[in-house]
Every structure is written in C-alpha cells, then in structure tokens.
Amino acid sequence: MTEIGRQPWTVFGLITTENSISPNVSAGSILFSLIMFTAIYAVLASVMAYLFVKVIKKGPYAAEEADHHTIDPFTKEGYDVVS
C-alpha cells in the first residue's frame, strides 16, 4: 500500500509496476542523467554561494548623510527658501 501514489505512470489495477518500466532507457542513461543533474545543481549552488559571499563582503549600504541644516521660517533666510 505504501507504493501507491509514488509512481504516477502506474495506474492501480490497470498497469502494474512490472509493465511500467521502459525498455528503451538503459542504466547508463539513468546514470548519465543523475550525474548531469548533480553537476548542474552543484554549479548553480557554487555560483549562488559566490554571489552571496560577494554581497556579504560589500557590507550594508552606506546611509547618505542628509543635510540637517534647519532654517527658521521666520527669518529672512527661511522666507527666501519658502517663497
């Protein structure tokens, strides 16, 4: 009962697991596919790790210092800025 649902190409009562195997796929093809998927995911993981380290080494963004010069709106200087 635990194997029902794990093989979507096998239909319970119609196609058995024995009839579901493909005679055209060799063990070498399966091994090659497994090795290639592993290699591709290893390369992608390496690129991701490299980019993470690169961004982490840059550090956080530097906050730009804003001009905190306050102007009294009741002075001539403040009046010129507002108008």
C-alpha atoms as a PDB file:
ATOM      1  CA  MET A   1       0.000   0.000   0.000  1.00  0.00           C
ATOM      2  CA  THR A   2       2.867   2.418   0.596  1.00  0.00           C
ATOM      3  CA  GLU A   3       3.911   2.350  -3.063  1.00  0.00           C
ATOM      4  CA  ILE A   4       0.563   3.610  -4.371  1.00  0.00           C
ATOM      5  CA  GLY A   5       0.971   7.214  -5.496  1.00  0.00           C
ATOM      6  CA  ARG A   6       4.746   7.156  -5.737  1.00  0.00           C
ATOM      7  CA  GLN A   7       4.722   6.041  -9.347  1.00  0.00           C
ATOM      8  CA  PRO A   8       2.402   8.348 -11.285  1.00  0.00           C
ATOM      9  CA  TRP A   9       2.868   6.380 -14.512  1.00  0.00           C
ATOM     10  CA  THR A  10       1.447   3.240 -12.853  1.00  0.00           C
ATOM     11  CA  VAL A  11      -2.357   3.039 -12.623  1.00  0.00           C
ATOM     12  CA  PHE A  12      -3.613   0.835  -9.792  1.00  0.00           C
ATOM     13  CA  GLY A  13      -5.392  -2.189 -11.202  1.00  0.00           C
ATOM     14  CA  LEU A  14      -4.600  -1.384 -14.857  1.00  0.00           C
ATOM     15  CA  ILE A  15      -0.835  -1.104 -15.277  1.00  0.00           C
ATOM     16  CA  THR A  16       1.479  -2.891 -12.880  1.00  0.00           C
ATOM     17  CA  THR A  17       4.937  -1.725 -11.888  1.00  0.00           C
ATOM     18  CA  GLU A  18       6.408  -4.554 -13.948  1.00  0.00           C
ATOM     19  CA  ASN A  19       4.647  -3.255 -17.082  1.00  0.00           C
ATOM     20  CA  SER A  20       5.518   0.371 -16.340  1.00  0.00           C
ATOM     21  CA  ILE A  21       9.262   0.155 -16.873  1.00  0.00           C
ATOM     22  CA  SER A  22      10.659   1.448 -20.143  1.00  0.00           C
ATOM     23  CA  PRO A  23      12.820  -0.987 -22.100  1.00  0.00           C
ATOM     24  CA  ASN A  24      14.344   1.923 -24.059  1.00  0.00           C
ATOM     25  CA  VAL A  25      16.038   3.557 -21.073  1.00  0.00           C
ATOM     26  CA  SER A  26      19.319   1.940 -20.148  1.00  0.00           C
ATOM     27  CA  ALA A  27      21.064   2.045 -16.796  1.00  0.00           C
ATOM     28  CA  GLY A  28      23.776   4.159 -18.435  1.00  0.00           C
ATOM     29  CA  SER A  29      21.222   6.770 -19.492  1.00  0.00           C
ATOM     30  CA  ILE A  30      19.842   6.957 -15.973  1.00  0.00           C
ATOM     31  CA  LEU A  31      23.335   7.246 -14.500  1.00  0.00           C
ATOM     32  CA  PHE A  32      24.276   9.956 -17.006  1.00  0.00           C
ATOM     33  CA  SER A  33      21.109  11.921 -16.200  1.00  0.00           C
ATOM     34  CA  LEU A  34      21.744  11.631 -12.474  1.00  0.00           C
ATOM     35  CA  ILE A  35      25.359  12.775 -12.835  1.00  0.00           C
ATOM     36  CA  MET A  36      24.390  15.710 -15.083  1.00  0.00           C
ATOM     37  CA  PHE A  37      21.621  16.898 -12.750  1.00  0.00           C
ATOM     38  CA  THR A  38      24.018  16.670  -9.820  1.00  0.00           C
ATOM     39  CA  ALA A  39      26.717  18.583 -11.718  1.00  0.00           C
ATOM     40  CA  ILE A  40      24.331  21.314 -12.862  1.00  0.00           C
ATOM     41  CA  TYR A  41      22.928  21.806  -9.366  1.00  0.00           C
ATOM     42  CA  ALA A  42      26.457  21.835  -7.921  1.00  0.00           C
ATOM     43  CA  VAL A  43      27.467  24.579 -10.364  1.00  0.00           C
ATOM     44  CA  LEU A  44      24.327  26.584  -9.572  1.00  0.00           C
ATOM     45  CA  ALA A  45      24.922  26.195  -5.824  1.00  0.00           C
ATOM     46  CA  SER A  46      28.543  27.317  -6.253  1.00  0.00           C
ATOM     47  CA  VAL A  47      27.507  30.408  -8.220  1.00  0.00           C
ATOM     48  CA  MET A  48      24.864  31.227  -5.617  1.00  0.00           C
ATOM     49  CA  ALA A  49      27.365  30.841  -2.757  1.00  0.00           C
ATOM     50  CA  TYR A  50      29.903  33.024  -4.599  1.00  0.00           C
ATOM     51  CA  LEU A  51      27.325  35.765  -5.161  1.00  0.00           C
ATOM     52  CA  PHE A  52      26.165  35.598  -1.534  1.00  0.00           C
ATOM     53  CA  VAL A  53      29.734  35.967  -0.277  1.00  0.00           C
ATOM     54  CA  LYS A  54      30.378  38.823  -2.705  1.00  0.00           C
ATOM     55  CA  VAL A  55      27.330  40.743  -1.483  1.00  0.00           C
ATOM     56  CA  ILE A  56      28.074  39.990   2.174  1.00  0.00           C
ATOM     57  CA  LYS A  57      31.664  41.246   1.843  1.00  0.00           C
ATOM     58  CA  LYS A  58      30.396  44.578   0.495  1.00  0.00           C
ATOM     59  CA  GLY A  59      28.540  45.115   3.727  1.00  0.00           C
ATOM     60  CA  PRO A  60      25.398  47.114   4.244  1.00  0.00           C
ATOM     61  CA  TYR A  61      24.636  50.101   2.103  1.00  0.00           C
ATOM     62  CA  ALA A  62      26.113  53.308   3.421  1.00  0.00           C
ATOM     63  CA  ALA A  63      23.413  55.685   4.504  1.00  0.00           C
ATOM     64  CA  GLU A  64      23.815  59.019   2.826  1.00  0.00           C
ATOM     65  CA  GLU A  65      24.158  61.885   5.206  1.00  0.00           C
ATOM     66  CA  ALA A  66      21.226  64.205   4.756  1.00  0.00           C
ATOM     67  CA  ASP A  67      21.659  67.907   5.195  1.00  0.00           C
ATOM     68  CA  HIS A  68      20.125  68.511   8.603  1.00  0.00           C
ATOM     69  CA  HIS A  69      20.541  72.238   8.393  1.00  0.00           C
ATOM     70  CA  THR A  70      17.309  73.632   9.737  1.00  0.00           C
ATOM     71  CA  ILE A  71      16.106  77.028   8.734  1.00  0.00           C
ATOM     72  CA  ASP A  72      13.884  79.159  10.907  1.00  0.00           C
ATOM     73  CA  PRO A  73      10.909  80.047   8.687  1.00  0.00           C
ATOM     74  CA  PHE A  74      10.524  83.386  10.462  1.00  0.00           C
ATOM     75  CA  THR A  75      13.950  84.698   9.364  1.00  0.00           C
ATOM     76  CA  LYS A  76      14.804  86.291   6.020  1.00  0.00           C
ATOM     77  CA  GLU A  77      16.790  83.200   5.011  1.00  0.00           C
ATOM     78  CA  GLY A  78      13.805  80.958   5.741  1.00  0.00           C
ATOM     79  CA  TYR A  79      11.441  83.278   3.925  1.00  0.00           C
ATOM     80  CA  ASP A  80      13.595  83.138   0.772  1.00  0.00           C
ATOM     81  CA  VAL A  81      13.618  79.327   0.808  1.00  0.00           C
ATOM     82  CA  VAL A  82       9.860  79.008   1.310  1.00  0.00           C
ATOM     83  CA  SER A  83       8.846  81.557  -1.295  1.00  0.00           C
END
